[in-house]
PDB file of N, CA and C in Angstrom:
ATOM      1  N   MET A   1      57.391 -14.068  -1.442  1.00  0.00           N
ATOM      2  CA  MET A   1      57.132 -14.042  -0.343  1.00  0.00           C
ATOM      3  C   MET A   1      57.185 -13.410   0.957  1.00  0.00           C
ATOM      4  N   PRO A   2      56.875 -12.403   1.212  1.00  0.00           N
ATOM      5  CA  PRO A   2      56.811 -11.001   1.813  1.00  0.00           C
ATOM      6  C   PRO A   2      55.132 -11.029   1.509  1.00  0.00           C
ATOM      7  N   THR A   3      54.217 -11.049   0.540  1.00  0.00           N
ATOM      8  CA  THR A   3      53.260 -10.648   1.037  1.00  0.00           C
ATOM      9  C   THR A   3      52.716 -11.950   1.640  1.00  0.00           C
ATOM     10  N   ALA A   4      53.337 -13.072   1.429  1.00  0.00           N
ATOM     11  CA  ALA A   4      52.270 -13.858   2.278  1.00  0.00           C
ATOM     12  C   ALA A   4      52.288 -13.741   3.800  1.00  0.00           C
ATOM     13  N   GLU A   5      53.869 -13.199   4.103  1.00  0.00           N
ATOM     14  CA  GLU A   5      53.607 -12.848   5.553  1.00  0.00           C
ATOM     15  C   GLU A   5      52.772 -11.987   6.460  1.00  0.00           C
ATOM     16  N   SER A   6      53.041 -10.460   5.573  1.00  0.00           N
ATOM     17  CA  SER A   6      51.790  -9.973   5.712  1.00  0.00           C
ATOM     18  C   SER A   6      50.625 -10.265   5.858  1.00  0.00           C
ATOM     19  N   GLU A   7      50.213 -10.397   4.977  1.00  0.00           N
ATOM     20  CA  GLU A   7      48.690 -11.408   4.283  1.00  0.00           C
ATOM     21  C   GLU A   7      48.692 -12.267   6.105  1.00  0.00           C
ATOM     22  N   ALA A   8      49.523 -13.135   6.713  1.00  0.00           N
ATOM     23  CA  ALA A   8      49.583 -13.772   7.787  1.00  0.00           C
ATOM     24  C   ALA A   8      49.240 -12.923   8.874  1.00  0.00           C
ATOM     25  N   LYS A   9      50.509 -11.758   9.054  1.00  0.00           N
ATOM     26  CA  LYS A   9      49.931 -10.651   9.588  1.00  0.00           C
ATOM     27  C   LYS A   9      48.528  -9.943   9.999  1.00  0.00           C
ATOM     28  N   VAL A  10      48.129  -9.547   8.932  1.00  0.00           N
ATOM     29  CA  VAL A  10      46.734  -9.207   8.769  1.00  0.00           C
ATOM     30  C   VAL A  10      45.896  -9.686   9.356  1.00  0.00           C
ATOM     31  N   LYS A  11      45.579 -11.099   8.797  1.00  0.00           N
ATOM     32  CA  LYS A  11      44.470 -11.799   9.728  1.00  0.00           C
ATOM     33  C   LYS A  11      44.571 -12.254  10.936  1.00  0.00           C
ATOM     34  N   THR A  12      45.671 -11.817  11.270  1.00  0.00           N
ATOM     35  CA  THR A  12      46.326 -12.120  12.589  1.00  0.00           C
ATOM     36  C   THR A  12      45.907 -11.090  13.447  1.00  0.00           C
ATOM     37  N   LYS A  13      46.111  -9.787  13.010  1.00  0.00           N
ATOM     38  CA  LYS A  13      45.536  -8.761  13.485  1.00  0.00           C
ATOM     39  C   LYS A  13      43.794  -7.884  13.640  1.00  0.00           C
ATOM     40  N   VAL A  14      43.650  -8.650  12.304  1.00  0.00           N
ATOM     41  CA  VAL A  14      42.087  -8.970  12.205  1.00  0.00           C
ATOM     42  C   VAL A  14      41.132  -9.759  13.148  1.00  0.00           C
ATOM     43  N   ARG A  15      41.793 -10.984  13.800  1.00  0.00           N
ATOM     44  CA  ARG A  15      41.432 -11.579  14.405  1.00  0.00           C
ATOM     45  C   ARG A  15      41.430 -11.865  15.858  1.00  0.00           C
ATOM     46  N   PHE A  16      42.431 -10.834  16.593  1.00  0.00           N
ATOM     47  CA  PHE A  16      43.019  -9.987  17.985  1.00  0.00           C
ATOM     48  C   PHE A  16      41.782  -8.958  17.866  1.00  0.00           C
ATOM     49  N   GLU A  17      41.979  -8.575  17.076  1.00  0.00           N
ATOM     50  CA  GLU A  17      40.708  -6.861  16.984  1.00  0.00           C
ATOM     51  C   GLU A  17      39.576  -7.089  17.853  1.00  0.00           C
ATOM     52  N   GLY A  18      39.039  -8.479  16.554  1.00  0.00           N
ATOM     53  CA  GLY A  18      37.822  -8.944  16.741  1.00  0.00           C
ATOM     54  C   GLY A  18      37.704 -10.184  18.517  1.00  0.00           C
ATOM     55  N   LEU A  19      39.083 -10.470  18.735  1.00  0.00           N
ATOM     56  CA  LEU A  19      38.658 -11.021  19.941  1.00  0.00           C
ATOM     57  C   LEU A  19      38.874  -9.958  21.298  1.00  0.00           C
ATOM     58  N   LEU A  20      39.516  -8.980  21.180  1.00  0.00           N
ATOM     59  CA  LEU A  20      39.322  -7.830  21.894  1.00  0.00           C
ATOM     60  C   LEU A  20      38.349  -6.668  21.933  1.00  0.00           C
ATOM     61  N   LYS A  21      37.413  -7.192  21.390  1.00  0.00           N
ATOM     62  CA  LYS A  21      36.275  -6.400  20.615  1.00  0.00           C
ATOM     63  C   LYS A  21      35.355  -7.182  21.514  1.00  0.00           C
ATOM     64  N   THR A  22      35.248  -8.601  20.989  1.00  0.00           N
ATOM     65  CA  THR A  22      34.527  -9.160  21.739  1.00  0.00           C
ATOM     66  C   THR A  22      34.060  -9.860  23.564  1.00  0.00           C
ATOM     67  N   HIS A  23      36.110  -9.461  23.948  1.00  0.00           N
ATOM     68  CA  HIS A  23      35.513  -9.388  25.716  1.00  0.00           C
ATOM     69  C   HIS A  23      35.896  -7.897  25.880  1.00  0.00           C
ATOM     70  N   SER A  24      36.102  -7.258  25.758  1.00  0.00           N
ATOM     71  CA  SER A  24      35.818  -5.348  26.236  1.00  0.00           C
ATOM     72  C   SER A  24      34.226  -5.456  26.445  1.00  0.00           C
ATOM     73  N   ASP A  25      33.011  -6.211  25.136  1.00  0.00           N
ATOM     74  CA  ASP A  25      32.182  -6.272  24.928  1.00  0.00           C
ATOM     75  C   ASP A  25      31.445  -7.087  25.890  1.00  0.00           C
ATOM     76  N   LEU A  26      31.976  -7.722  26.045  1.00  0.00           N
ATOM     77  CA  LEU A  26      31.584  -9.036  27.383  1.00  0.00           C
ATOM     78  C   LEU A  26      31.466  -8.355  28.534  1.00  0.00           C
ATOM     79  N   MET A  27      33.186  -8.047  29.392  1.00  0.00           N
ATOM     80  CA  MET A  27      33.061  -6.754  30.543  1.00  0.00           C
ATOM     81  C   MET A  27      32.604  -6.105  30.459  1.00  0.00           C
ATOM     82  N   HIS A  28      31.945  -5.048  29.972  1.00  0.00           N
ATOM     83  CA  HIS A  28      30.890  -3.458  29.596  1.00  0.00           C
ATOM     84  C   HIS A  28      29.578  -4.947  30.382  1.00  0.00           C
ATOM     85  N   GLU A  29      29.406  -5.521  29.173  1.00  0.00           N
ATOM     86  CA  GLU A  29      28.088  -6.277  29.959  1.00  0.00           C
ATOM     87  C   GLU A  29      27.764  -6.830  31.129  1.00  0.00           C
ATOM     88  N   ARG A  30      28.940  -7.112  31.935  1.00  0.00           N
ATOM     89  CA  ARG A  30      29.099  -7.799  33.140  1.00  0.00           C
ATOM     90  C   ARG A  30      29.416  -6.558  33.795  1.00  0.00           C
ATOM     91  N   LYS A  31      29.974  -5.608  33.503  1.00  0.00           N
ATOM     92  CA  LYS A  31      29.861  -4.482  35.060  1.00  0.00           C
ATOM     93  C   LYS A  31      28.505  -3.873  35.152  1.00  0.00           C
ATOM     94  N   LYS A  32      27.704  -4.087  33.869  1.00  0.00           N
ATOM     95  CA  LYS A  32      26.146  -3.030  33.911  1.00  0.00           C
ATOM     96  C   LYS A  32      25.084  -4.258  34.924  1.00  0.00           C
ATOM     97  N   LEU A  33      26.010  -5.347  34.633  1.00  0.00           N
ATOM     98  CA  LEU A  33      25.126  -6.381  35.031  1.00  0.00           C
ATOM     99  C   LEU A  33      24.928  -6.356  36.256  1.00  0.00           C
ATOM    100  N   LYS A  34      26.411  -5.882  37.080  1.00  0.00           N
ATOM    101  CA  LYS A  34      26.188  -6.173  38.195  1.00  0.00           C
ATOM    102  C   LYS A  34      26.216  -4.829  39.309  1.00  0.00           C
ATOM    103  N   LYS A  35      25.894  -3.505  37.988  1.00  0.00           N
ATOM    104  CA  LYS A  35      25.509  -2.403  38.467  1.00  0.00           C
ATOM    105  C   LYS A  35      23.936  -2.822  39.012  1.00  0.00           C
ATOM    106  N   SER A  36      23.396  -3.349  38.388  1.00  0.00           N
ATOM    107  CA  SER A  36      21.506  -3.539  38.529  1.00  0.00           C
ATOM    108  C   SER A  36      21.941  -4.112  38.704  1.00  0.00           C
ATOM    109  N   LEU A  37      22.425  -5.619  39.643  1.00  0.00           N
ATOM    110  CA  LEU A  37      21.972  -6.329  40.907  1.00  0.00           C
ATOM    111  C   LEU A  37      22.733  -5.632  41.919  1.00  0.00           C
ATOM    112  N   VAL A  38      23.171  -4.292  42.037  1.00  0.00           N
ATOM    113  CA  VAL A  38      23.989  -3.615  43.206  1.00  0.00           C
ATOM    114  C   VAL A  38      22.557  -2.903  43.689  1.00  0.00           C
ATOM    115  N   ARG A  39      21.648  -1.971  42.342  1.00  0.00           N
ATOM    116  CA  ARG A  39      20.866  -1.042  42.495  1.00  0.00           C
ATOM    117  C   ARG A  39      19.964  -1.776  43.455  1.00  0.00           C
ATOM    118  N   SER A  40      19.610  -3.080  42.761  1.00  0.00           N
ATOM    119  CA  SER A  40      18.690  -3.881  43.415  1.00  0.00           C
ATOM    120  C   SER A  40      18.455  -4.304  45.013  1.00  0.00           C
ATOM    121  N   GLY A  41      19.771  -4.583  45.212  1.00  0.00           N
ATOM    122  CA  GLY A  41      19.866  -5.503  46.174  1.00  0.00           C
ATOM    123  C   GLY A  41      20.101  -3.918  47.647  1.00  0.00           C
ATOM    124  N   GLU A  42      20.097  -2.505  46.812  1.00  0.00           N
ATOM    125  CA  GLU A  42      19.630  -1.534  47.822  1.00  0.00           C
ATOM    126  C   GLU A  42      18.387  -0.987  47.671  1.00  0.00           C
ATOM    127  N   ASN A  43      17.778  -1.225  46.885  1.00  0.00           N
ATOM    128  CA  ASN A  43      16.345  -0.958  46.976  1.00  0.00           C
ATOM    129  C   ASN A  43      15.522  -2.376  47.841  1.00  0.00           C
ATOM    130  N   ILE A  44      15.915  -3.523  48.095  1.00  0.00           N
ATOM    131  CA  ILE A  44      15.739  -4.311  48.879  1.00  0.00           C
ATOM    132  C   ILE A  44      15.989  -4.053  50.130  1.00  0.00           C
ATOM    133  N   SER A  45      17.376  -3.707  50.600  1.00  0.00           N
ATOM    134  CA  SER A  45      17.497  -3.281  51.699  1.00  0.00           C
ATOM    135  C   SER A  45      16.408  -2.201  52.534  1.00  0.00           C
ATOM    136  N   VAL A  46      16.487  -1.064  51.320  1.00  0.00           N
ATOM    137  CA  VAL A  46      16.076   0.189  51.833  1.00  0.00           C
ATOM    138  C   VAL A  46      14.753  -0.392  52.549  1.00  0.00           C
ATOM    139  N   SER A  47      13.718  -1.143  51.610  1.00  0.00           N
ATOM    140  CA  SER A  47      12.661  -0.930  51.713  1.00  0.00           C
ATOM    141  C   SER A  47      12.297  -2.402  52.851  1.00  0.00           C
ATOM    142  N   SER A  48      12.734  -2.836  52.961  1.00  0.00           N
ATOM    143  CA  SER A  48      12.753  -4.203  54.186  1.00  0.00           C
ATOM    144  C   SER A  48      12.490  -3.083  55.845  1.00  0.00           C
TER     145      SER A  48
END
């Protein structure tokens, strides 16, 4: 029965790592979007 437990742990670990990667990718994209919005806002205020 120990193999079944280790298989469950491995599956859980793989799922968790996938979710963590997805989350970090989304956070990275969100930061890039915020930076681009701030830059475009600065350009508008400077050119006005």
